[in-house]
Amino acid sequence: MPFTNLIIAGSSGLIANHLIPALLRNPTFTITILTRANTTNPPSSIPGAKVIPINYNDHSSLVKAITGADAIISLLSGTSSKDIDLKLLLAAQEARVRRIFPSEYTLDVLHPDAVSLLSDPKHWPQPASAVVTARTFAALAQDGPTSYTTIVPSAFIDGWLRGDFGLFDPKNRGVTLIDGGEEYFTGCSMGFLAEAIVAVLKMDEERTRNRRVCVAEVRTTMGEIARMYEDVMGEEVERVGVSSGELVERRDELLKMGDLVGAAFVGVQIGAFNGGGAGDLKDGMEFDGDGGLSVQRRSLRELVVEAVGMGG
């Protein structure tokens, strides 16, 4: 049975800004959006959706807010998102919500290569590890009425191509290549990811119960992107090389400094682009939501043209 009565945790951010409009365009769904009660200037209303300010530390209020929902989709970000996801799961189990989608939209953090980068006990504080939180979440969801679906999109390709996350710098005609830049990885634009989530919501729920669903729009390499920049912009792109080993050293320095967010980001950079497999979700290129995916995959050229503003 499809999920139609939805709770969305989080009203803004990269994914929310695309997913919420995609859901609201579809009359199948009834949408309630949870906003943090202590947030400065939270949205008082979102046309087409019910908005509930919530204190995620107030378990009884959280249970009340989500009772009657079919599914919860967490779109939270930041260092507190994993802790809040666990609170949402515990509340969902009490409210007997059928499904929860945790906020883990990244590479496959449970792939062995990602596990070594993001949970090495010699370097990584375990409570802060994305690997540990993903395993804890999955274990808790095995029992009780609430199952989980984790959407795994690997790289946010449109943001990377614009230069939002480093390594790629089209504005200044530069690319930093990890390990030579010819290892394959996959990624999704935000629009594609939003429509993929909509498609998953409409699938037979048994097909996605307690599963990690990989989705991908494009499969490419850093070197191919550099060449596509040159082809689209008509200018040479400067290439700078860096090794995975150098980035691991940088990650460890950040951990020693207590910068867990920075260390995690560097770990994700390595895992996404080093060819180890955590960022190359080839099966995601076959995802079609059992025929329910409503958008076509765009080519790398189309994505680059949009990213660098060369669409005319």
C-alpha atoms as a PDB file:
ATOM      1  CA  MET A   1       0.000   0.000   0.000  1.00  0.00           C
ATOM      2  CA  PRO A   2       1.496   3.395  -0.951  1.00  0.00           C
ATOM      3  CA  PHE A   3       2.365   5.940   1.695  1.00  0.00           C
ATOM      4  CA  THR A   4       0.096   8.971   1.346  1.00  0.00           C
ATOM      5  CA  ASN A   5      -0.191  10.690   4.751  1.00  0.00           C
ATOM      6  CA  LEU A   6       3.312  12.077   5.193  1.00  0.00           C
ATOM      7  CA  ILE A   7       5.252  13.838   7.933  1.00  0.00           C
ATOM      8  CA  ILE A   8       8.229  15.877   6.709  1.00  0.00           C
ATOM      9  CA  ALA A   9      10.826  16.741   9.347  1.00  0.00           C
ATOM     10  CA  GLY A  10      12.504  19.923   8.153  1.00  0.00           C
ATOM     11  CA  SER A  11      11.170  22.709   5.959  1.00  0.00           C
ATOM     12  CA  SER A  12      14.292  23.990   4.209  1.00  0.00           C
ATOM     13  CA  GLY A  13      17.635  22.860   2.862  1.00  0.00           C
ATOM     14  CA  LEU A  14      19.017  21.347  -0.327  1.00  0.00           C
ATOM     15  CA  ILE A  15      16.654  18.385  -0.444  1.00  0.00           C
ATOM     16  CA  ALA A  16      13.630  19.978   1.241  1.00  0.00           C
ATOM     17  CA  ASN A  17      13.631  22.857  -1.235  1.00  0.00           C
ATOM     18  CA  HIS A  18      13.047  20.344  -4.045  1.00  0.00           C
ATOM     19  CA  LEU A  19      11.184  17.499  -2.371  1.00  0.00           C
ATOM     20  CA  ILE A  20       8.458  19.514  -0.639  1.00  0.00           C
ATOM     21  CA  PRO A  21       7.311  21.197  -3.895  1.00  0.00           C
ATOM     22  CA  ALA A  22       7.449  17.808  -5.674  1.00  0.00           C
ATOM     23  CA  LEU A  23       5.202  16.267  -3.020  1.00  0.00           C
ATOM     24  CA  LEU A  24       2.813  19.214  -3.026  1.00  0.00           C
ATOM     25  CA  ARG A  25       2.430  18.925  -6.803  1.00  0.00           C
ATOM     26  CA  ASN A  26       1.084  15.419  -6.306  1.00  0.00           C
ATOM     27  CA  PRO A  27      -2.517  15.219  -5.061  1.00  0.00           C
ATOM     28  CA  THR A  28      -1.828  11.698  -3.764  1.00  0.00           C
ATOM     29  CA  PHE A  29      -0.095  13.048  -0.672  1.00  0.00           C
ATOM     30  CA  THR A  30      -1.270  14.820   2.469  1.00  0.00           C
ATOM     31  CA  ILE A  31       1.681  16.737   3.887  1.00  0.00           C
ATOM     32  CA  THR A  32       2.464  17.836   7.442  1.00  0.00           C
ATOM     33  CA  ILE A  33       5.773  19.631   7.971  1.00  0.00           C
ATOM     34  CA  LEU A  34       7.527  19.710  11.333  1.00  0.00           C
ATOM     35  CA  THR A  35       9.597  22.820  12.037  1.00  0.00           C
ATOM     36  CA  ARG A  36      11.807  23.359  15.060  1.00  0.00           C
ATOM     37  CA  ALA A  37       9.915  25.393  17.642  1.00  0.00           C
ATOM     38  CA  ASN A  38      13.065  27.248  18.703  1.00  0.00           C
ATOM     39  CA  THR A  39      14.118  28.196  15.169  1.00  0.00           C
ATOM     40  CA  THR A  40      14.355  31.896  14.374  1.00  0.00           C
ATOM     41  CA  ASN A  41      11.540  32.873  11.998  1.00  0.00           C
ATOM     42  CA  PRO A  42      10.217  29.373  11.181  1.00  0.00           C
ATOM     43  CA  PRO A  43       7.646  29.313   8.353  1.00  0.00           C
ATOM     44  CA  SER A  44       4.196  29.943   9.805  1.00  0.00           C
ATOM     45  CA  SER A  45       2.547  28.418   6.757  1.00  0.00           C
ATOM     46  CA  ILE A  46       3.424  26.551   3.576  1.00  0.00           C
ATOM     47  CA  PRO A  47       0.622  26.536   0.986  1.00  0.00           C
ATOM     48  CA  GLY A  48      -0.777  23.046   0.608  1.00  0.00           C
ATOM     49  CA  ALA A  49       0.777  21.692   3.802  1.00  0.00           C
ATOM     50  CA  LYS A  50       0.075  21.741   7.523  1.00  0.00           C
ATOM     51  CA  VAL A  51       2.959  23.181   9.574  1.00  0.00           C
ATOM     52  CA  ILE A  52       3.586  22.129  13.191  1.00  0.00           C
ATOM     53  CA  PRO A  53       6.337  23.748  15.297  1.00  0.00           C
ATOM     54  CA  ILE A  54       7.884  20.962  17.368  1.00  0.00           C
ATOM     55  CA  ASN A  55      10.374  20.438  20.156  1.00  0.00           C
ATOM     56  CA  TYR A  56      12.100  17.193  19.201  1.00  0.00           C
ATOM     57  CA  ASN A  57      13.113  16.643  22.824  1.00  0.00           C
ATOM     58  CA  ASP A  58       9.443  16.507  23.893  1.00  0.00           C
ATOM     59  CA  HIS A  59       8.612  12.872  23.195  1.00  0.00           C
ATOM     60  CA  SER A  60       4.896  13.039  24.020  1.00  0.00           C
ATOM     61  CA  SER A  61       4.337  16.080  21.801  1.00  0.00           C
ATOM     62  CA  LEU A  62       6.273  14.404  19.005  1.00  0.00           C
ATOM     63  CA  VAL A  63       4.166  11.254  19.273  1.00  0.00           C
ATOM     64  CA  LYS A  64       0.998  13.347  19.174  1.00  0.00           C
ATOM     65  CA  ALA A  65       2.170  15.275  16.099  1.00  0.00           C
ATOM     66  CA  ILE A  66       2.946  12.174  14.039  1.00  0.00           C
ATOM     67  CA  THR A  67       0.053   9.918  15.094  1.00  0.00           C
ATOM     68  CA  GLY A  68      -1.966   8.887  12.053  1.00  0.00           C
ATOM     69  CA  ALA A  69       0.875   9.320   9.571  1.00  0.00           C
ATOM     70  CA  ASP A  70       1.875   6.586   7.127  1.00  0.00           C
ATOM     71  CA  ALA A  71       5.504   7.668   6.841  1.00  0.00           C
ATOM     72  CA  ILE A  72       8.041  10.157   8.164  1.00  0.00           C
ATOM     73  CA  ILE A  73      10.672  11.634   5.861  1.00  0.00           C
ATOM     74  CA  SER A  74      13.530  13.290   7.695  1.00  0.00           C
ATOM     75  CA  LEU A  75      15.182  16.120   5.762  1.00  0.00           C
ATOM     76  CA  LEU A  76      17.133  17.458   8.721  1.00  0.00           C
ATOM     77  CA  SER A  77      20.776  18.430   8.406  1.00  0.00           C
ATOM     78  CA  GLY A  78      23.596  19.361  10.724  1.00  0.00           C
ATOM     79  CA  THR A  79      25.239  17.625  13.633  1.00  0.00           C
ATOM     80  CA  SER A  80      21.965  17.047  15.492  1.00  0.00           C
ATOM     81  CA  SER A  81      20.139  15.310  12.646  1.00  0.00           C
ATOM     82  CA  LYS A  82      21.175  11.754  13.576  1.00  0.00           C
ATOM     83  CA  ASP A  83      20.100  12.187  17.191  1.00  0.00           C
ATOM     84  CA  ILE A  84      16.770  13.638  16.085  1.00  0.00           C
ATOM     85  CA  ASP A  85      16.277  10.806  13.597  1.00  0.00           C
ATOM     86  CA  LEU A  86      16.528   8.332  16.467  1.00  0.00           C
ATOM     87  CA  LYS A  87      13.998  10.357  18.460  1.00  0.00           C
ATOM     88  CA  LEU A  88      11.687  10.355  15.452  1.00  0.00           C
ATOM     89  CA  LEU A  89      12.029   6.587  15.152  1.00  0.00           C
ATOM     90  CA  LEU A  90      11.185   5.975  18.816  1.00  0.00           C
ATOM     91  CA  ALA A  91       8.174   8.289  18.554  1.00  0.00           C
ATOM     92  CA  ALA A  92       7.115   6.620  15.300  1.00  0.00           C
ATOM     93  CA  GLN A  93       7.197   3.203  16.925  1.00  0.00           C
ATOM     94  CA  GLU A  94       4.936   4.407  19.722  1.00  0.00           C
ATOM     95  CA  ALA A  95       2.596   6.124  17.252  1.00  0.00           C
ATOM     96  CA  ARG A  96       2.684   3.037  15.005  1.00  0.00           C
ATOM     97  CA  VAL A  97       3.839   4.927  11.923  1.00  0.00           C
ATOM     98  CA  ARG A  98       4.551   2.343   9.210  1.00  0.00           C
ATOM     99  CA  ARG A  99       7.770   3.746   7.743  1.00  0.00           C
ATOM    100  CA  ILE A 100      10.544   6.245   8.414  1.00  0.00           C
ATOM    101  CA  PHE A 101      13.110   7.619   5.960  1.00  0.00           C
ATOM    102  CA  PRO A 102      16.197   8.779   7.903  1.00  0.00           C
ATOM    103  CA  SER A 103      18.246  11.794   6.872  1.00  0.00           C
ATOM    104  CA  GLU A 104      21.200   9.906   5.410  1.00  0.00           C
ATOM    105  CA  TYR A 105      21.414  11.243   1.860  1.00  0.00           C
ATOM    106  CA  THR A 106      25.023  10.596   0.915  1.00  0.00           C
ATOM    107  CA  LEU A 107      27.324   7.825  -0.270  1.00  0.00           C
ATOM    108  CA  ASP A 108      26.797   4.292   1.029  1.00  0.00           C
ATOM    109  CA  VAL A 109      28.169   4.708   4.546  1.00  0.00           C
ATOM    110  CA  LEU A 110      27.807   0.963   5.199  1.00  0.00           C
ATOM    111  CA  HIS A 111      30.037   0.014   2.253  1.00  0.00           C
ATOM    112  CA  PRO A 112      33.343  -1.431   3.580  1.00  0.00           C
ATOM    113  CA  ASP A 113      35.353   1.452   2.105  1.00  0.00           C
ATOM    114  CA  ALA A 114      33.134   4.045   3.794  1.00  0.00           C
ATOM    115  CA  VAL A 115      33.203   2.096   7.051  1.00  0.00           C
ATOM    116  CA  SER A 116      37.002   2.345   7.097  1.00  0.00           C
ATOM    117  CA  LEU A 117      36.851   6.083   6.399  1.00  0.00           C
ATOM    118  CA  LEU A 118      34.042   7.038   8.759  1.00  0.00           C
ATOM    119  CA  SER A 119      34.274   4.677  11.698  1.00  0.00           C
ATOM    120  CA  ASP A 120      37.911   3.695  12.264  1.00  0.00           C
ATOM    121  CA  PRO A 121      37.965   3.257  16.069  1.00  0.00           C
ATOM    122  CA  LYS A 122      41.597   4.398  16.210  1.00  0.00           C
ATOM    123  CA  HIS A 123      40.621   7.816  14.898  1.00  0.00           C
ATOM    124  CA  TRP A 124      36.874   8.331  15.025  1.00  0.00           C
ATOM    125  CA  PRO A 125      34.733   8.975  18.119  1.00  0.00           C
ATOM    126  CA  GLN A 126      32.116   6.258  17.702  1.00  0.00           C
ATOM    127  CA  PRO A 127      29.034   8.290  18.742  1.00  0.00           C
ATOM    128  CA  ALA A 128      29.877  10.797  15.982  1.00  0.00           C
ATOM    129  CA  SER A 129      30.332   8.176  13.266  1.00  0.00           C
ATOM    130  CA  ALA A 130      27.771   8.103  10.458  1.00  0.00           C
ATOM    131  CA  VAL A 131      28.388   4.364  10.233  1.00  0.00           C
ATOM    132  CA  VAL A 132      27.500   3.772  13.873  1.00  0.00           C
ATOM    133  CA  THR A 133      24.350   5.885  13.691  1.00  0.00           C
ATOM    134  CA  ALA A 134      23.211   4.115  10.502  1.00  0.00           C
ATOM    135  CA  ARG A 135      23.712   0.696  12.098  1.00  0.00           C
ATOM    136  CA  THR A 136      21.990   1.762  15.315  1.00  0.00           C
ATOM    137  CA  PHE A 137      19.020   3.143  13.396  1.00  0.00           C
ATOM    138  CA  ALA A 138      18.634  -0.008  11.311  1.00  0.00           C
ATOM    139  CA  ALA A 139      18.860  -2.247  14.382  1.00  0.00           C
ATOM    140  CA  LEU A 140      16.197  -0.284  16.259  1.00  0.00           C
ATOM    141  CA  ALA A 141      13.881  -0.335  13.247  1.00  0.00           C
ATOM    142  CA  GLN A 142      14.001  -4.127  12.994  1.00  0.00           C
ATOM    143  CA  ASP A 143      11.654  -4.426  15.963  1.00  0.00           C
ATOM    144  CA  GLY A 144       8.216  -2.914  16.307  1.00  0.00           C
ATOM    145  CA  PRO A 145       5.700  -1.504  13.854  1.00  0.00           C
ATOM    146  CA  THR A 146       7.967   1.044  12.128  1.00  0.00           C
ATOM    147  CA  SER A 147      10.282  -0.098   9.344  1.00  0.00           C
ATOM    148  CA  TYR A 148      12.813   2.087   7.537  1.00  0.00           C
ATOM    149  CA  THR A 149      13.895   2.981   4.019  1.00  0.00           C
ATOM    150  CA  THR A 150      17.218   4.740   3.501  1.00  0.00           C
ATOM    151  CA  ILE A 151      17.657   6.610   0.220  1.00  0.00           C
ATOM    152  CA  VAL A 152      21.308   6.475  -0.932  1.00  0.00           C
ATOM    153  CA  PRO A 153      22.022   9.011  -3.721  1.00  0.00           C
ATOM    154  CA  SER A 154      25.833   9.322  -3.448  1.00  0.00           C
ATOM    155  CA  ALA A 155      27.032  12.732  -4.744  1.00  0.00           C
ATOM    156  CA  PHE A 156      24.729  15.746  -5.025  1.00  0.00           C
ATOM    157  CA  ILE A 157      26.009  16.179  -8.563  1.00  0.00           C
ATOM    158  CA  ASP A 158      24.525  19.587  -9.366  1.00  0.00           C
ATOM    159  CA  GLY A 159      26.063  21.127  -6.250  1.00  0.00           C
ATOM    160  CA  TRP A 160      29.453  19.566  -6.960  1.00  0.00           C
ATOM    161  CA  LEU A 161      29.355  20.769 -10.564  1.00  0.00           C
ATOM    162  CA  ARG A 162      28.572  24.333  -9.447  1.00  0.00           C
ATOM    163  CA  GLY A 163      31.541  24.225  -7.082  1.00  0.00           C
ATOM    164  CA  ASP A 164      29.459  24.385  -3.905  1.00  0.00           C
ATOM    165  CA  PHE A 165      31.431  21.673  -2.091  1.00  0.00           C
ATOM    166  CA  GLY A 166      35.009  22.216  -3.223  1.00  0.00           C
ATOM    167  CA  LEU A 167      37.255  20.167  -5.552  1.00  0.00           C
ATOM    168  CA  PHE A 168      35.368  21.491  -8.593  1.00  0.00           C
ATOM    169  CA  ASP A 169      35.741  25.225  -9.258  1.00  0.00           C
ATOM    170  CA  PRO A 170      34.223  26.121 -12.639  1.00  0.00           C
ATOM    171  CA  LYS A 171      34.186  29.834 -11.832  1.00  0.00           C
ATOM    172  CA  ASN A 172      37.975  29.879 -11.620  1.00  0.00           C
ATOM    173  CA  ARG A 173      38.440  27.106 -14.186  1.00  0.00           C
ATOM    174  CA  GLY A 174      39.954  24.571 -11.811  1.00  0.00           C
ATOM    175  CA  VAL A 175      39.450  20.969 -10.678  1.00  0.00           C
ATOM    176  CA  THR A 176      41.214  19.024  -7.924  1.00  0.00           C
ATOM    177  CA  LEU A 177      41.532  15.397  -9.006  1.00  0.00           C
ATOM    178  CA  ILE A 178      41.652  12.660  -6.364  1.00  0.00           C
ATOM    179  CA  ASP A 179      44.004   9.787  -7.284  1.00  0.00           C
ATOM    180  CA  GLY A 180      44.198  10.930 -10.897  1.00  0.00           C
ATOM    181  CA  GLY A 181      40.486  11.574 -11.297  1.00  0.00           C
ATOM    182  CA  GLU A 182      39.544   8.595 -13.460  1.00  0.00           C
ATOM    183  CA  GLU A 183      37.636   6.547 -10.877  1.00  0.00           C
ATOM    184  CA  TYR A 184      33.894   6.274 -11.454  1.00  0.00           C
ATOM    185  CA  PHE A 185      31.232   7.610  -9.103  1.00  0.00           C
ATOM    186  CA  THR A 186      27.509   8.261  -9.347  1.00  0.00           C
ATOM    187  CA  GLY A 187      25.353  11.197  -8.360  1.00  0.00           C
ATOM    188  CA  CYS A 188      21.922  12.799  -8.455  1.00  0.00           C
ATOM    189  CA  SER A 189      20.739  16.324  -9.039  1.00  0.00           C
ATOM    190  CA  MET A 190      18.353  17.597  -6.386  1.00  0.00           C
ATOM    191  CA  GLY A 191      15.426  17.527  -8.786  1.00  0.00           C
ATOM    192  CA  PHE A 192      16.092  13.915  -9.731  1.00  0.00           C
ATOM    193  CA  LEU A 193      16.551  12.882  -6.095  1.00  0.00           C
ATOM    194  CA  ALA A 194      13.242  14.502  -5.135  1.00  0.00           C
ATOM    195  CA  GLU A 195      11.366  12.639  -7.857  1.00  0.00           C
ATOM    196  CA  ALA A 196      13.111   9.387  -6.904  1.00  0.00           C
ATOM    197  CA  ILE A 197      11.846   9.759  -3.328  1.00  0.00           C
ATOM    198  CA  VAL A 198       8.330  10.424  -4.642  1.00  0.00           C
ATOM    199  CA  ALA A 199       8.597   7.240  -6.715  1.00  0.00           C
ATOM    200  CA  VAL A 200       9.750   5.192  -3.701  1.00  0.00           C
ATOM    201  CA  LEU A 201       6.762   6.445  -1.695  1.00  0.00           C
ATOM    202  CA  LYS A 202       4.428   5.075  -4.371  1.00  0.00           C
ATOM    203  CA  MET A 203       6.078   1.652  -4.587  1.00  0.00           C
ATOM    204  CA  ASP A 204       4.767  -1.468  -2.880  1.00  0.00           C
ATOM    205  CA  GLU A 205       5.992  -0.910   0.660  1.00  0.00           C
ATOM    206  CA  GLU A 206       7.243  -4.498   0.980  1.00  0.00           C
ATOM    207  CA  ARG A 207       9.743  -3.789  -1.829  1.00  0.00           C
ATOM    208  CA  THR A 208      11.439  -1.110   0.250  1.00  0.00           C
ATOM    209  CA  ARG A 209      10.927  -2.384   3.808  1.00  0.00           C
ATOM    210  CA  ASN A 210      14.128  -2.121   5.866  1.00  0.00           C
ATOM    211  CA  ARG A 211      16.155  -1.516   2.727  1.00  0.00           C
ATOM    212  CA  ARG A 212      18.799   0.901   1.509  1.00  0.00           C
ATOM    213  CA  VAL A 213      17.605   2.067  -1.921  1.00  0.00           C
ATOM    214  CA  CYS A 214      20.367   3.333  -4.211  1.00  0.00           C
ATOM    215  CA  VAL A 215      19.410   5.962  -6.777  1.00  0.00           C
ATOM    216  CA  ALA A 216      21.641   7.553  -9.418  1.00  0.00           C
ATOM    217  CA  GLU A 217      21.149   9.954 -12.291  1.00  0.00           C
ATOM    218  CA  VAL A 218      24.620   9.975 -13.825  1.00  0.00           C
ATOM    219  CA  ARG A 219      27.838   7.927 -13.650  1.00  0.00           C
ATOM    220  CA  THR A 220      31.071   9.717 -14.453  1.00  0.00           C
ATOM    221  CA  THR A 221      34.615  10.553 -13.297  1.00  0.00           C
ATOM    222  CA  MET A 222      36.297  13.708 -12.047  1.00  0.00           C
ATOM    223  CA  GLY A 223      38.460  13.736 -15.162  1.00  0.00           C
ATOM    224  CA  GLU A 224      35.435  13.461 -17.425  1.00  0.00           C
ATOM    225  CA  ILE A 225      33.892  16.433 -15.637  1.00  0.00           C
ATOM    226  CA  ALA A 226      37.070  18.478 -16.169  1.00  0.00           C
ATOM    227  CA  ARG A 227      36.971  17.649 -19.880  1.00  0.00           C
ATOM    228  CA  MET A 228      33.266  18.477 -20.058  1.00  0.00           C
ATOM    229  CA  TYR A 229      33.890  21.847 -18.400  1.00  0.00           C
ATOM    230  CA  GLU A 230      36.426  22.601 -21.131  1.00  0.00           C
ATOM    231  CA  ASP A 231      34.070  21.472 -23.878  1.00  0.00           C
ATOM    232  CA  VAL A 232      31.117  23.472 -22.558  1.00  0.00           C
ATOM    233  CA  MET A 233      32.984  26.628 -21.505  1.00  0.00           C
ATOM    234  CA  GLY A 234      35.515  26.602 -24.326  1.00  0.00           C
ATOM    235  CA  GLU A 235      38.399  27.244 -21.938  1.00  0.00           C
ATOM    236  CA  GLU A 236      41.174  25.130 -20.467  1.00  0.00           C
ATOM    237  CA  VAL A 237      40.642  23.922 -16.907  1.00  0.00           C
ATOM    238  CA  GLU A 238      43.587  23.739 -14.517  1.00  0.00           C
ATOM    239  CA  ARG A 239      43.999  20.343 -12.886  1.00  0.00           C
ATOM    240  CA  VAL A 240      45.568  19.858  -9.449  1.00  0.00           C
ATOM    241  CA  GLY A 241      46.176  16.396  -8.052  1.00  0.00           C
ATOM    242  CA  VAL A 242      45.724  15.104  -4.518  1.00  0.00           C
ATOM    243  CA  SER A 243      45.966  11.538  -3.226  1.00  0.00           C
ATOM    244  CA  SER A 244      43.537   9.703  -0.985  1.00  0.00           C
ATOM    245  CA  GLY A 245      46.408   9.263   1.454  1.00  0.00           C
ATOM    246  CA  GLU A 246      46.911  13.010   1.716  1.00  0.00           C
ATOM    247  CA  LEU A 247      43.213  13.505   2.347  1.00  0.00           C
ATOM    248  CA  VAL A 248      43.197  10.794   5.019  1.00  0.00           C
ATOM    249  CA  GLU A 249      45.994  12.695   6.769  1.00  0.00           C
ATOM    250  CA  ARG A 250      43.881  15.841   6.545  1.00  0.00           C
ATOM    251  CA  ARG A 251      40.889  13.977   7.987  1.00  0.00           C
ATOM    252  CA  ASP A 252      42.989  12.776  10.913  1.00  0.00           C
ATOM    253  CA  GLU A 253      44.259  16.308  11.575  1.00  0.00           C
ATOM    254  CA  LEU A 254      40.677  17.563  11.719  1.00  0.00           C
ATOM    255  CA  LEU A 255      39.713  14.764  14.107  1.00  0.00           C
ATOM    256  CA  LYS A 256      42.579  15.678  16.416  1.00  0.00           C
ATOM    257  CA  MET A 257      41.340  19.279  16.349  1.00  0.00           C
ATOM    258  CA  GLY A 258      37.845  18.102  17.283  1.00  0.00           C
ATOM    259  CA  ASP A 259      36.372  19.229  13.965  1.00  0.00           C
ATOM    260  CA  LEU A 260      34.083  16.243  13.425  1.00  0.00           C
ATOM    261  CA  VAL A 261      32.022  17.938  10.713  1.00  0.00           C
ATOM    262  CA  GLY A 262      35.120  18.829   8.716  1.00  0.00           C
ATOM    263  CA  ALA A 263      36.577  15.354   9.179  1.00  0.00           C
ATOM    264  CA  ALA A 264      33.341  13.728   8.046  1.00  0.00           C
ATOM    265  CA  PHE A 265      33.232  15.945   4.960  1.00  0.00           C
ATOM    266  CA  VAL A 266      36.776  14.996   3.965  1.00  0.00           C
ATOM    267  CA  GLY A 267      35.907  11.338   4.571  1.00  0.00           C
ATOM    268  CA  VAL A 268      32.929  11.681   2.255  1.00  0.00           C
ATOM    269  CA  GLN A 269      35.116  13.354  -0.399  1.00  0.00           C
ATOM    270  CA  ILE A 270      37.501  10.416  -0.313  1.00  0.00           C
ATOM    271  CA  GLY A 271      34.758   7.794  -0.302  1.00  0.00           C
ATOM    272  CA  ALA A 272      32.857   9.456  -3.125  1.00  0.00           C
ATOM    273  CA  PHE A 273      35.744   9.833  -5.568  1.00  0.00           C
ATOM    274  CA  ASN A 274      38.448   7.246  -4.744  1.00  0.00           C
ATOM    275  CA  GLY A 275      36.897   4.356  -6.652  1.00  0.00           C
ATOM    276  CA  GLY A 276      36.475   2.218  -3.540  1.00  0.00           C
ATOM    277  CA  GLY A 277      32.804   1.589  -4.312  1.00  0.00           C
ATOM    278  CA  ALA A 278      31.003   3.575  -1.623  1.00  0.00           C
ATOM    279  CA  GLY A 279      30.293   6.399  -4.065  1.00  0.00           C
ATOM    280  CA  ASP A 280      29.821   4.341  -7.219  1.00  0.00           C
ATOM    281  CA  LEU A 281      26.233   3.133  -6.926  1.00  0.00           C
ATOM    282  CA  LYS A 282      25.950   1.426 -10.302  1.00  0.00           C
ATOM    283  CA  ASP A 283      22.702  -0.306  -9.344  1.00  0.00           C
ATOM    284  CA  GLY A 284      21.193   3.126  -8.776  1.00  0.00           C
ATOM    285  CA  MET A 285      21.390   3.772 -12.518  1.00  0.00           C
ATOM    286  CA  GLU A 286      18.741   1.055 -12.936  1.00  0.00           C
ATOM    287  CA  PHE A 287      16.320   2.552 -10.404  1.00  0.00           C
ATOM    288  CA  ASP A 288      12.950   3.412 -11.910  1.00  0.00           C
ATOM    289  CA  GLY A 289      10.623   3.140  -8.914  1.00  0.00           C
ATOM    290  CA  ASP A 290       8.972   0.079 -10.478  1.00  0.00           C
ATOM    291  CA  GLY A 291       7.980   2.292 -13.377  1.00  0.00           C
ATOM    292  CA  GLY A 292       6.915   5.200 -11.174  1.00  0.00           C
ATOM    293  CA  LEU A 293       9.902   7.509 -11.723  1.00  0.00           C
ATOM    294  CA  SER A 294       8.459  10.534 -13.522  1.00  0.00           C
ATOM    295  CA  VAL A 295      11.673  12.181 -14.775  1.00  0.00           C
ATOM    296  CA  GLN A 296      14.362  11.210 -17.255  1.00  0.00           C
ATOM    297  CA  ARG A 297      18.022  11.032 -16.325  1.00  0.00           C
ATOM    298  CA  ARG A 298      20.006  13.928 -17.717  1.00  0.00           C
ATOM    299  CA  SER A 299      23.396  13.556 -19.358  1.00  0.00           C
ATOM    300  CA  LEU A 300      26.592  14.920 -17.838  1.00  0.00           C
ATOM    301  CA  ARG A 301      26.662  17.578 -20.547  1.00  0.00           C
ATOM    302  CA  GLU A 302      23.158  18.758 -19.656  1.00  0.00           C
ATOM    303  CA  LEU A 303      24.052  18.903 -15.970  1.00  0.00           C
ATOM    304  CA  VAL A 304      27.284  20.808 -16.625  1.00  0.00           C
ATOM    305  CA  VAL A 305      25.565  23.296 -18.938  1.00  0.00           C
ATOM    306  CA  GLU A 306      23.027  24.027 -16.205  1.00  0.00           C
ATOM    307  CA  ALA A 307      25.664  24.203 -13.464  1.00  0.00           C
ATOM    308  CA  VAL A 308      27.920  26.715 -15.207  1.00  0.00           C
ATOM    309  CA  GLY A 309      25.057  28.827 -16.548  1.00  0.00           C
ATOM    310  CA  MET A 310      25.768  28.196 -20.219  1.00  0.00           C
ATOM    311  CA  GLY A 311      22.231  27.292 -21.176  1.00  0.00           C
ATOM    312  CA  GLY A 312      21.627  30.503 -23.098  1.00  0.00           C
END
